[in-house]
Protein backbone atom coordinates (compact mmCIF):
# COMPACT_ATOMS: atom_id res chain seq x y z
CA UNK A 1 0.00 0.00 0.00
CA UNK A 2 2.87 2.35 0.76
CA UNK A 3 4.37 1.78 -2.68
CA UNK A 4 1.02 2.57 -4.29
CA UNK A 5 0.77 5.86 -2.40
CA UNK A 6 4.31 6.85 -3.36
CA UNK A 7 3.60 6.06 -7.02
CA UNK A 8 0.36 8.04 -6.91
CA UNK A 9 2.08 11.07 -5.39
CA UNK A 10 4.91 10.84 -7.94
CA UNK A 11 2.37 10.66 -10.78
CA UNK A 12 0.51 13.70 -9.43
CA UNK A 13 3.72 15.69 -9.12
CA UNK A 14 4.69 14.80 -12.68
CA UNK A 15 1.24 15.69 -13.99
CA UNK A 16 1.15 19.06 -12.24
CA UNK A 17 4.69 19.84 -13.39
CA UNK A 18 3.73 19.05 -16.98
CA UNK A 19 0.59 21.15 -16.67
CA UNK A 20 2.57 24.16 -15.40
CA UNK A 21 5.08 23.64 -18.23
CA UNK A 22 2.27 23.66 -20.83
CA UNK A 23 0.71 26.75 -19.26
CA UNK A 24 4.05 28.54 -19.50
CA UNK A 25 4.28 27.60 -23.18
CA UNK A 26 0.78 28.94 -23.79
CA UNK A 27 1.65 32.12 -21.88
CA UNK A 28 4.59 32.75 -24.21
CA UNK A 29 2.58 32.02 -27.37
CA UNK A 30 0.39 34.36 -29.38
CA UNK A 31 -2.77 32.25 -29.15
CA UNK A 32 -6.11 34.02 -29.39
CA UNK A 33 -7.46 31.83 -26.58
CA UNK A 34 -4.55 32.48 -24.24
CA UNK A 35 -6.64 34.20 -21.55
CA UNK A 36 -9.21 31.42 -21.34
CA UNK A 37 -6.57 28.68 -21.31
CA UNK A 38 -4.58 30.34 -18.54
CA UNK A 39 -7.68 31.04 -16.43
CA UNK A 40 -8.97 27.48 -16.68
CA UNK A 41 -5.51 26.01 -16.06
CA UNK A 42 -4.94 28.12 -12.96
CA UNK A 43 -8.43 27.22 -11.72
CA UNK A 44 -7.67 23.51 -12.14
CA UNK A 45 -4.36 23.92 -10.32
CA UNK A 46 -5.95 25.81 -7.40
CA UNK A 47 -8.98 23.53 -6.98
CA UNK A 48 -7.20 20.94 -4.75
CA UNK A 49 -6.02 23.70 -2.42
CA UNK A 50 -9.61 24.83 -1.89
CA UNK A 51 -10.40 21.31 -0.73
CA UNK A 52 -7.46 21.32 1.66
CA UNK A 53 -8.62 24.66 3.09
CA UNK A 54 -12.17 23.34 3.49
CA UNK A 55 -14.02 25.51 0.98
CA UNK A 56 -15.15 22.50 -1.06
CA UNK A 57 -16.02 19.11 0.43
CA UNK A 58 -14.43 16.01 -1.04
CA UNK A 59 -16.95 13.82 -2.82
CA UNK A 60 -16.97 10.84 -5.15
CA UNK A 61 -17.97 13.09 -8.04
CA UNK A 62 -14.91 15.31 -7.50
CA UNK A 63 -12.61 12.28 -7.32
CA UNK A 64 -14.01 10.98 -10.62
CA UNK A 65 -14.40 14.26 -12.53
CA UNK A 66 -11.17 16.10 -11.59
CA UNK A 67 -8.73 13.67 -13.30
CA UNK A 68 -10.93 13.65 -16.40
CA UNK A 69 -10.99 17.47 -16.41
CA UNK A 70 -7.20 17.65 -16.16
CA UNK A 71 -6.78 15.08 -18.94
CA UNK A 72 -9.22 16.83 -21.26
CA UNK A 73 -7.63 20.20 -20.55
CA UNK A 74 -4.16 18.90 -21.45
CA UNK A 75 -5.56 17.17 -24.53
CA UNK A 76 -7.28 20.32 -25.78
CA UNK A 77 -4.26 22.61 -25.30
CA UNK A 78 -1.68 20.25 -26.80
CA UNK A 79 -1.64 22.17 -30.10
CA UNK A 80 -1.89 25.70 -28.67
CA UNK A 81 1.79 26.45 -28.17
């Protein structure tokens, strides 16, 4: 179980690092949708901190929808920069 937790944390760190990297590429580009992409990306990055601070309660829907939202976001911005 400990190995599974370590792998999950490592995967999350890699995913967030990649997401920040892609947001920086979009920030430097001349895309017409740059504002929307940056706003949605920052919102997705800040959402887990709102749960840790207690603004949003953890639910099964969040656990299922959040990874899909991150994946779709990265898929949709892959050609932006």
